[in-house]
PDB file of N, CA and C in Angstrom:
ATOM      1  N   MET A   1      11.127  -5.952   2.781  1.00  0.00           N
ATOM      2  CA  MET A   1      10.607  -4.598   2.782  1.00  0.00           C
ATOM      3  C   MET A   1       9.247  -4.584   2.102  1.00  0.00           C
ATOM      4  N   CYS A   2       8.616  -3.439   2.071  1.00  0.00           N
ATOM      5  CA  CYS A   2       7.291  -3.296   1.483  1.00  0.00           C
ATOM      6  C   CYS A   2       7.346  -3.559  -0.015  1.00  0.00           C
ATOM      7  N   PRO A   3       6.439  -4.386  -0.526  1.00  0.00           N
ATOM      8  CA  PRO A   3       6.405  -4.605  -1.981  1.00  0.00           C
ATOM      9  C   PRO A   3       6.158  -3.285  -2.707  1.00  0.00           C
ATOM     10  N   GLY A   4       6.886  -3.047  -3.765  1.00  0.00           N
ATOM     11  CA  GLY A   4       6.716  -1.838  -4.552  1.00  0.00           C
ATOM     12  C   GLY A   4       7.504  -0.642  -4.048  1.00  0.00           C
ATOM     13  N   MET A   5       8.085  -0.759  -2.863  1.00  0.00           N
ATOM     14  CA  MET A   5       8.842   0.360  -2.309  1.00  0.00           C
ATOM     15  C   MET A   5      10.254   0.357  -2.887  1.00  0.00           C
ATOM     16  N   ASN A   6      10.579   1.407  -3.584  1.00  0.00           N
ATOM     17  CA  ASN A   6      11.901   1.555  -4.165  1.00  0.00           C
ATOM     18  C   ASN A   6      12.830   2.147  -3.103  1.00  0.00           C
ATOM     19  N   PRO A   7      13.969   1.510  -2.833  1.00  0.00           N
ATOM     20  CA  PRO A   7      14.873   2.063  -1.821  1.00  0.00           C
ATOM     21  C   PRO A   7      15.297   3.507  -2.110  1.00  0.00           C
ATOM     22  N   TYR A   8      15.288   3.898  -3.377  1.00  0.00           N
ATOM     23  CA  TYR A   8      15.671   5.273  -3.695  1.00  0.00           C
ATOM     24  C   TYR A   8      14.659   6.277  -3.153  1.00  0.00           C
ATOM     25  N   TYR A   9      13.389   5.872  -3.031  1.00  0.00           N
ATOM     26  CA  TYR A   9      12.392   6.757  -2.416  1.00  0.00           C
ATOM     27  C   TYR A   9      12.802   7.068  -0.974  1.00  0.00           C
ATOM     28  N   LEU A  10      13.224   6.022  -0.266  1.00  0.00           N
ATOM     29  CA  LEU A  10      13.652   6.211   1.119  1.00  0.00           C
ATOM     30  C   LEU A  10      14.900   7.084   1.204  1.00  0.00           C
ATOM     31  N   ARG A  11      15.839   6.854   0.304  1.00  0.00           N
ATOM     32  CA  ARG A  11      17.063   7.658   0.304  1.00  0.00           C
ATOM     33  C   ARG A  11      16.757   9.128   0.041  1.00  0.00           C
ATOM     34  N   THR A  12      15.863   9.371  -0.901  1.00  0.00           N
ATOM     35  CA  THR A  12      15.496  10.746  -1.222  1.00  0.00           C
ATOM     36  C   THR A  12      14.832  11.416  -0.025  1.00  0.00           C
ATOM     37  N   ALA A  13      13.925  10.698   0.634  1.00  0.00           N
ATOM     38  CA  ALA A  13      13.282  11.241   1.833  1.00  0.00           C
ATOM     39  C   ALA A  13      14.317  11.487   2.922  1.00  0.00           C
ATOM     40  N   LEU A  14      15.303  10.611   3.030  1.00  0.00           N
ATOM     41  CA  LEU A  14      16.376  10.798   4.006  1.00  0.00           C
ATOM     42  C   LEU A  14      17.170  12.061   3.700  1.00  0.00           C
ATOM     43  N   PHE A  15      17.536  12.263   2.437  1.00  0.00           N
ATOM     44  CA  PHE A  15      18.288  13.466   2.064  1.00  0.00           C
ATOM     45  C   PHE A  15      17.502  14.720   2.408  1.00  0.00           C
ATOM     46  N   ARG A  16      16.210  14.701   2.136  1.00  0.00           N
ATOM     47  CA  ARG A  16      15.371  15.874   2.426  1.00  0.00           C
ATOM     48  C   ARG A  16      15.280  16.125   3.930  1.00  0.00           C
ATOM     49  N   GLU A  17      15.147  15.055   4.695  1.00  0.00           N
ATOM     50  CA  GLU A  17      15.095  15.197   6.152  1.00  0.00           C
ATOM     51  C   GLU A  17      16.422  15.741   6.675  1.00  0.00           C
ATOM     52  N   MET A  18      17.523  15.305   6.093  1.00  0.00           N
ATOM     53  CA  MET A  18      18.833  15.800   6.517  1.00  0.00           C
ATOM     54  C   MET A  18      18.995  17.284   6.210  1.00  0.00           C
ATOM     55  N   ASP A  19      18.381  17.744   5.128  1.00  0.00           N
ATOM     56  CA  ASP A  19      18.425  19.172   4.798  1.00  0.00           C
ATOM     57  C   ASP A  19      17.623  20.008   5.795  1.00  0.00           C
ATOM     58  N   GLU A  20      16.561  19.419   6.323  1.00  0.00           N
ATOM     59  CA  GLU A  20      15.652  20.172   7.196  1.00  0.00           C
ATOM     60  C   GLU A  20      16.008  20.095   8.675  1.00  0.00           C
ATOM     61  N   THR A  21      16.690  19.040   9.074  1.00  0.00           N
ATOM     62  CA  THR A  21      17.032  18.876  10.486  1.00  0.00           C
ATOM     63  C   THR A  21      18.523  18.596  10.609  1.00  0.00           C
ATOM     64  N   PHE A  22      19.120  19.174  11.614  1.00  0.00           N
ATOM     65  CA  PHE A  22      20.572  19.103  11.710  1.00  0.00           C
ATOM     66  C   PHE A  22      21.081  18.240  12.861  1.00  0.00           C
ATOM     67  N   ASP A  23      20.277  18.023  13.867  1.00  0.00           N
ATOM     68  CA  ASP A  23      20.748  17.248  15.016  1.00  0.00           C
ATOM     69  C   ASP A  23      20.420  15.772  14.817  1.00  0.00           C
ATOM     70  N   TRP A  24      21.413  15.016  14.396  1.00  0.00           N
ATOM     71  CA  TRP A  24      21.276  13.576  14.181  1.00  0.00           C
ATOM     72  C   TRP A  24      22.056  12.803  15.243  1.00  0.00           C
ATOM     73  N   SER A  25      22.229  13.399  16.397  1.00  0.00           N
ATOM     74  CA  SER A  25      22.919  12.698  17.480  1.00  0.00           C
ATOM     75  C   SER A  25      22.079  11.495  17.904  1.00  0.00           C
ATOM     76  N   SER A  26      22.709  10.561  18.594  1.00  0.00           N
ATOM     77  CA  SER A  26      22.035   9.311  18.962  1.00  0.00           C
ATOM     78  C   SER A  26      20.747   9.568  19.739  1.00  0.00           C
ATOM     79  N   ARG A  27      20.696  10.668  20.433  1.00  0.00           N
ATOM     80  CA  ARG A  27      19.497  11.012  21.202  1.00  0.00           C
ATOM     81  C   ARG A  27      18.274  11.237  20.297  1.00  0.00           C
ATOM     82  N   TYR A  28      18.506  11.699  19.066  1.00  0.00           N
ATOM     83  CA  TYR A  28      17.408  12.073  18.170  1.00  0.00           C
ATOM     84  C   TYR A  28      17.250  11.180  16.945  1.00  0.00           C
ATOM     85  N   VAL A  29      18.031  10.139  16.817  1.00  0.00           N
ATOM     86  CA  VAL A  29      17.975   9.316  15.610  1.00  0.00           C
ATOM     87  C   VAL A  29      16.582   8.736  15.380  1.00  0.00           C
ATOM     88  N   GLY A  30      15.937   8.259  16.413  1.00  0.00           N
ATOM     89  CA  GLY A  30      14.584   7.709  16.261  1.00  0.00           C
ATOM     90  C   GLY A  30      13.615   8.738  15.710  1.00  0.00           C
ATOM     91  N   CYS A  31      13.690   9.953  16.226  1.00  0.00           N
ATOM     92  CA  CYS A  31      12.827  11.041  15.734  1.00  0.00           C
ATOM     93  C   CYS A  31      13.141  11.353  14.278  1.00  0.00           C
ATOM     94  N   ARG A  32      14.406  11.354  13.946  1.00  0.00           N
ATOM     95  CA  ARG A  32      14.798  11.665  12.568  1.00  0.00           C
ATOM     96  C   ARG A  32      14.322  10.582  11.603  1.00  0.00           C
ATOM     97  N   LEU A  33      14.397   9.322  12.019  1.00  0.00           N
ATOM     98  CA  LEU A  33      13.913   8.243  11.150  1.00  0.00           C
ATOM     99  C   LEU A  33      12.400   8.342  10.952  1.00  0.00           C
ATOM    100  N   MET A  34      11.694   8.711  12.005  1.00  0.00           N
ATOM    101  CA  MET A  34      10.251   8.927  11.851  1.00  0.00           C
ATOM    102  C   MET A  34      10.004  10.099  10.903  1.00  0.00           C
ATOM    103  N   GLY A  35      10.853  11.118  10.965  1.00  0.00           N
ATOM    104  CA  GLY A  35      10.732  12.251  10.047  1.00  0.00           C
ATOM    105  C   GLY A  35      10.934  11.824   8.602  1.00  0.00           C
ATOM    106  N   VAL A  36      11.849  10.897   8.368  1.00  0.00           N
ATOM    107  CA  VAL A  36      12.072  10.372   7.011  1.00  0.00           C
ATOM    108  C   VAL A  36      10.796   9.705   6.514  1.00  0.00           C
ATOM    109  N   LEU A  37      10.184   8.881   7.352  1.00  0.00           N
ATOM    110  CA  LEU A  37       8.948   8.206   6.947  1.00  0.00           C
ATOM    111  C   LEU A  37       7.817   9.201   6.730  1.00  0.00           C
ATOM    112  N   GLN A  38       7.768  10.240   7.538  1.00  0.00           N
ATOM    113  CA  GLN A  38       6.744  11.263   7.339  1.00  0.00           C
ATOM    114  C   GLN A  38       6.972  12.021   6.043  1.00  0.00           C
ATOM    115  N   GLN A  39       8.234  12.290   5.705  1.00  0.00           N
ATOM    116  CA  GLN A  39       8.557  12.919   4.412  1.00  0.00           C
ATOM    117  C   GLN A  39       8.020  12.050   3.278  1.00  0.00           C
ATOM    118  N   LEU A  40       8.292  10.753   3.384  1.00  0.00           N
ATOM    119  CA  LEU A  40       7.864   9.821   2.343  1.00  0.00           C
ATOM    120  C   LEU A  40       6.343   9.726   2.281  1.00  0.00           C
ATOM    121  N   GLU A  41       5.707   9.685   3.412  1.00  0.00           N
ATOM    122  CA  GLU A  41       4.245   9.610   3.438  1.00  0.00           C
ATOM    123  C   GLU A  41       3.619  10.845   2.776  1.00  0.00           C
ATOM    124  N   ARG A  42       4.145  12.026   3.086  1.00  0.00           N
ATOM    125  CA  ARG A  42       3.622  13.253   2.456  1.00  0.00           C
ATOM    126  C   ARG A  42       3.801  13.203   0.940  1.00  0.00           C
ATOM    127  N   ALA A  43       4.968  12.753   0.501  1.00  0.00           N
ATOM    128  CA  ALA A  43       5.232  12.678  -0.941  1.00  0.00           C
ATOM    129  C   ALA A  43       4.274  11.701  -1.615  1.00  0.00           C
ATOM    130  N   LEU A  44       4.055  10.553  -0.995  1.00  0.00           N
ATOM    131  CA  LEU A  44       3.160   9.563  -1.583  1.00  0.00           C
ATOM    132  C   LEU A  44       1.718  10.045  -1.600  1.00  0.00           C
ATOM    133  N   SER A  45       1.329  10.811  -0.597  1.00  0.00           N
ATOM    134  CA  SER A  45      -0.065  11.272  -0.540  1.00  0.00           C
ATOM    135  C   SER A  45      -0.404  12.233  -1.679  1.00  0.00           C
ATOM    136  N   VAL A  46       0.601  12.922  -2.219  1.00  0.00           N
ATOM    137  CA  VAL A  46       0.362  13.826  -3.345  1.00  0.00           C
ATOM    138  C   VAL A  46       1.011  13.309  -4.638  1.00  0.00           C
ATOM    139  N   ALA A  47       1.556  12.094  -4.565  1.00  0.00           N
ATOM    140  CA  ALA A  47       2.199  11.444  -5.719  1.00  0.00           C
ATOM    141  C   ALA A  47       3.296  12.308  -6.331  1.00  0.00           C
ATOM    142  N   LYS A  48       4.064  12.961  -5.452  1.00  0.00           N
ATOM    143  CA  LYS A  48       5.158  13.799  -5.943  1.00  0.00           C
ATOM    144  C   LYS A  48       6.357  13.692  -5.003  1.00  0.00           C
ATOM    145  N   LEU A  49       7.428  13.135  -5.533  1.00  0.00           N
ATOM    146  CA  LEU A  49       8.689  13.027  -4.799  1.00  0.00           C
ATOM    147  C   LEU A  49       9.788  13.486  -5.748  1.00  0.00           C
ATOM    148  N   PRO A  50      10.135  14.778  -5.678  1.00  0.00           N
ATOM    149  CA  PRO A  50      11.162  15.286  -6.583  1.00  0.00           C
ATOM    150  C   PRO A  50      12.509  14.599  -6.347  1.00  0.00           C
ATOM    151  N   HIS A  51      13.171  14.276  -7.449  1.00  0.00           N
ATOM    152  CA  HIS A  51      14.523  13.729  -7.375  1.00  0.00           C
ATOM    153  C   HIS A  51      15.375  14.736  -6.611  1.00  0.00           C
ATOM    154  N   TYR A  52      16.261  14.247  -5.773  1.00  0.00           N
ATOM    155  CA  TYR A  52      17.036  15.148  -4.914  1.00  0.00           C
ATOM    156  C   TYR A  52      17.935  16.085  -5.726  1.00  0.00           C
ATOM    157  N   TYR A  53      18.597  15.549  -6.746  1.00  0.00           N
ATOM    158  CA  TYR A  53      19.546  16.350  -7.526  1.00  0.00           C
ATOM    159  C   TYR A  53      18.917  16.989  -8.766  1.00  0.00           C
ATOM    160  N   MET A  54      17.802  16.443  -9.221  1.00  0.00           N
ATOM    161  CA  MET A  54      17.083  16.993 -10.382  1.00  0.00           C
ATOM    162  C   MET A  54      15.634  17.219  -9.963  1.00  0.00           C
ATOM    163  N   PRO A  55      15.353  18.278  -9.228  1.00  0.00           N
ATOM    164  CA  PRO A  55      14.038  18.457  -8.620  1.00  0.00           C
ATOM    165  C   PRO A  55      12.870  18.569  -9.599  1.00  0.00           C
ATOM    166  N   ASP A  56      13.142  18.810 -10.871  1.00  0.00           N
ATOM    167  CA  ASP A  56      12.044  18.845 -11.849  1.00  0.00           C
ATOM    168  C   ASP A  56      11.566  17.445 -12.220  1.00  0.00           C
ATOM    169  N   PHE A  57      12.325  16.420 -11.836  1.00  0.00           N
ATOM    170  CA  PHE A  57      11.959  15.038 -12.138  1.00  0.00           C
ATOM    171  C   PHE A  57      11.250  14.420 -10.936  1.00  0.00           C
ATOM    172  N   ASN A  58      10.014  13.998 -11.141  1.00  0.00           N
ATOM    173  CA  ASN A  58       9.206  13.374 -10.096  1.00  0.00           C
ATOM    174  C   ASN A  58       9.472  11.863 -10.085  1.00  0.00           C
ATOM    175  N   LEU A  59      10.062  11.365  -9.010  1.00  0.00           N
ATOM    176  CA  LEU A  59      10.364   9.940  -8.911  1.00  0.00           C
ATOM    177  C   LEU A  59       9.116   9.065  -8.921  1.00  0.00           C
ATOM    178  N   LEU A  60       7.988   9.636  -8.561  1.00  0.00           N
ATOM    179  CA  LEU A  60       6.745   8.867  -8.493  1.00  0.00           C
ATOM    180  C   LEU A  60       5.908   8.971  -9.762  1.00  0.00           C
ATOM    181  N   SER A  61       6.441   9.609 -10.787  1.00  0.00           N
ATOM    182  CA  SER A  61       5.645   9.844 -11.999  1.00  0.00           C
ATOM    183  C   SER A  61       5.216   8.549 -12.684  1.00  0.00           C
ATOM    184  N   GLY A  62       5.948   7.472 -12.512  1.00  0.00           N
ATOM    185  CA  GLY A  62       5.594   6.209 -13.153  1.00  0.00           C
ATOM    186  C   GLY A  62       4.600   5.370 -12.373  1.00  0.00           C
ATOM    187  N   LEU A  63       4.229   5.831 -11.195  1.00  0.00           N
ATOM    188  CA  LEU A  63       3.295   5.072 -10.371  1.00  0.00           C
ATOM    189  C   LEU A  63       1.867   5.517 -10.620  1.00  0.00           C
ATOM    190  N   THR A  64       0.966   4.561 -10.532  1.00  0.00           N
ATOM    191  CA  THR A  64      -0.456   4.893 -10.629  1.00  0.00           C
ATOM    192  C   THR A  64      -0.949   5.358  -9.269  1.00  0.00           C
ATOM    193  N   ARG A  65      -2.133   5.919  -9.252  1.00  0.00           N
ATOM    194  CA  ARG A  65      -2.734   6.345  -7.979  1.00  0.00           C
ATOM    195  C   ARG A  65      -2.896   5.141  -7.052  1.00  0.00           C
ATOM    196  N   ALA A  66      -3.243   3.995  -7.638  1.00  0.00           N
ATOM    197  CA  ALA A  66      -3.388   2.777  -6.835  1.00  0.00           C
ATOM    198  C   ALA A  66      -2.055   2.374  -6.204  1.00  0.00           C
ATOM    199  N   ASP A  67      -0.970   2.541  -6.966  1.00  0.00           N
ATOM    200  CA  ASP A  67       0.361   2.215  -6.435  1.00  0.00           C
ATOM    201  C   ASP A  67       0.703   3.082  -5.231  1.00  0.00           C
ATOM    202  N   THR A  68       0.501   4.389  -5.371  1.00  0.00           N
ATOM    203  CA  THR A  68       0.848   5.288  -4.264  1.00  0.00           C
ATOM    204  C   THR A  68      -0.087   5.064  -3.077  1.00  0.00           C
ATOM    205  N   SER A  69      -1.333   4.720  -3.352  1.00  0.00           N
ATOM    206  CA  SER A  69      -2.273   4.448  -2.263  1.00  0.00           C
ATOM    207  C   SER A  69      -1.872   3.196  -1.499  1.00  0.00           C
ATOM    208  N   GLU A  70      -1.353   2.218  -2.217  1.00  0.00           N
ATOM    209  CA  GLU A  70      -0.925   0.971  -1.576  1.00  0.00           C
ATOM    210  C   GLU A  70       0.253   1.216  -0.632  1.00  0.00           C
ATOM    211  N   LEU A  71       1.123   2.140  -1.022  1.00  0.00           N
ATOM    212  CA  LEU A  71       2.283   2.446  -0.188  1.00  0.00           C
ATOM    213  C   LEU A  71       1.938   3.385   0.959  1.00  0.00           C
ATOM    214  N   SER A  72       0.939   4.248   0.754  1.00  0.00           N
ATOM    215  CA  SER A  72       0.574   5.240   1.766  1.00  0.00           C
ATOM    216  C   SER A  72      -0.869   5.660   1.558  1.00  0.00           C
ATOM    217  N   PRO A  73      -1.594   6.138   2.507  1.00  0.00           N
ATOM    218  CA  PRO A  73      -1.289   6.175   3.924  1.00  0.00           C
ATOM    219  C   PRO A  73      -1.664   4.891   4.648  1.00  0.00           C
ATOM    220  N   LEU A  74      -2.475   4.041   4.020  1.00  0.00           N
ATOM    221  CA  LEU A  74      -2.862   2.809   4.700  1.00  0.00           C
ATOM    222  C   LEU A  74      -1.908   1.671   4.400  1.00  0.00           C
ATOM    223  N   GLY A  75      -0.930   1.932   3.551  1.00  0.00           N
ATOM    224  CA  GLY A  75       0.018   0.897   3.171  1.00  0.00           C
ATOM    225  C   GLY A  75       1.198   0.821   4.111  1.00  0.00           C
ATOM    226  N   CYS A  76       2.326   0.437   3.562  1.00  0.00           N
ATOM    227  CA  CYS A  76       3.476   0.099   4.404  1.00  0.00           C
ATOM    228  C   CYS A  76       4.068   1.289   5.143  1.00  0.00           C
ATOM    229  N   VAL A  77       4.044   2.489   4.577  1.00  0.00           N
ATOM    230  CA  VAL A  77       4.622   3.637   5.292  1.00  0.00           C
ATOM    231  C   VAL A  77       3.811   3.913   6.550  1.00  0.00           C
ATOM    232  N   ARG A  78       2.499   3.916   6.451  1.00  0.00           N
ATOM    233  CA  ARG A  78       1.648   4.149   7.624  1.00  0.00           C
ATOM    234  C   ARG A  78       1.885   3.041   8.650  1.00  0.00           C
ATOM    235  N   CYS A  79       2.024   1.810   8.183  1.00  0.00           N
ATOM    236  CA  CYS A  79       2.283   0.699   9.090  1.00  0.00           C
ATOM    237  C   CYS A  79       3.585   0.928   9.857  1.00  0.00           C
ATOM    238  N   LEU A  80       4.622   1.344   9.157  1.00  0.00           N
ATOM    239  CA  LEU A  80       5.900   1.595   9.812  1.00  0.00           C
ATOM    240  C   LEU A  80       5.812   2.750  10.800  1.00  0.00           C
ATOM    241  N   LEU A  81       5.057   3.770  10.456  1.00  0.00           N
ATOM    242  CA  LEU A  81       4.901   4.903  11.358  1.00  0.00           C
ATOM    243  C   LEU A  81       4.169   4.502  12.639  1.00  0.00           C
ATOM    244  N   ASN A  82       3.226   3.579  12.502  1.00  0.00           N
ATOM    245  CA  ASN A  82       2.408   3.195  13.647  1.00  0.00           C
ATOM    246  C   ASN A  82       3.026   2.095  14.501  1.00  0.00           C
ATOM    247  N   PHE A  83       3.880   1.289  13.920  1.00  0.00           N
ATOM    248  CA  PHE A  83       4.386   0.134  14.637  1.00  0.00           C
ATOM    249  C   PHE A  83       5.914   0.164  14.679  1.00  0.00           C
ATOM    250  N   GLU A  84       6.411   0.614  15.795  1.00  0.00           N
ATOM    251  CA  GLU A  84       7.854   0.772  15.957  1.00  0.00           C
ATOM    252  C   GLU A  84       8.590  -0.547  15.752  1.00  0.00           C
ATOM    253  N   ALA A  85       8.022  -1.649  16.224  1.00  0.00           N
ATOM    254  CA  ALA A  85       8.691  -2.952  16.068  1.00  0.00           C
ATOM    255  C   ALA A  85       8.839  -3.296  14.601  1.00  0.00           C
ATOM    256  N   GLU A  86       7.824  -3.025  13.795  1.00  0.00           N
ATOM    257  CA  GLU A  86       7.908  -3.292  12.360  1.00  0.00           C
ATOM    258  C   GLU A  86       8.973  -2.405  11.719  1.00  0.00           C
ATOM    259  N   MET A  87       9.045  -1.147  12.132  1.00  0.00           N
ATOM    260  CA  MET A  87      10.051  -0.247  11.602  1.00  0.00           C
ATOM    261  C   MET A  87      11.450  -0.781  11.925  1.00  0.00           C
ATOM    262  N   MET A  88      11.640  -1.261  13.137  1.00  0.00           N
ATOM    263  CA  MET A  88      12.956  -1.783  13.519  1.00  0.00           C
ATOM    264  C   MET A  88      13.320  -3.017  12.687  1.00  0.00           C
ATOM    265  N   ASN A  89      12.345  -3.847  12.346  1.00  0.00           N
ATOM    266  CA  ASN A  89      12.599  -4.999  11.480  1.00  0.00           C
ATOM    267  C   ASN A  89      13.069  -4.550  10.107  1.00  0.00           C
ATOM    268  N   VAL A  90      12.438  -3.540   9.558  1.00  0.00           N
ATOM    269  CA  VAL A  90      12.819  -3.025   8.250  1.00  0.00           C
ATOM    270  C   VAL A  90      14.224  -2.441   8.311  1.00  0.00           C
ATOM    271  N   LEU A  91      14.537  -1.730   9.373  1.00  0.00           N
ATOM    272  CA  LEU A  91      15.850  -1.103   9.500  1.00  0.00           C
ATOM    273  C   LEU A  91      16.962  -2.139   9.618  1.00  0.00           C
ATOM    274  N   ARG A  92      16.658  -3.303  10.137  1.00  0.00           N
ATOM    275  CA  ARG A  92      17.671  -4.351  10.278  1.00  0.00           C
ATOM    276  C   ARG A  92      17.986  -5.045   8.962  1.00  0.00           C
ATOM    277  N   GLN A  93      17.131  -4.903   7.957  1.00  0.00           N
ATOM    278  CA  GLN A  93      17.326  -5.587   6.677  1.00  0.00           C
ATOM    279  C   GLN A  93      18.465  -4.987   5.901  1.00  0.00           C
TER     280      GLN A  93
END
């Protein structure tokens, strides 16, 4: 996976996407996974990803601006959004 990417960031983005979208049938799973990555990209771009259960706690508070920049938008999240084959490799891990 992407260096520096905490799996909990992905889980949190997944939980948020699940709150916002309800149709996770096989027909829409690809769209929903892209939505998870877009959630994460938005959070990284503003360096704010509230903890799902404790929203006053920012999961990204310990990262520097350089760290968040490395992960997004030119980092691994953008790469996954642009390259479906790379995203599928990550999902298989």
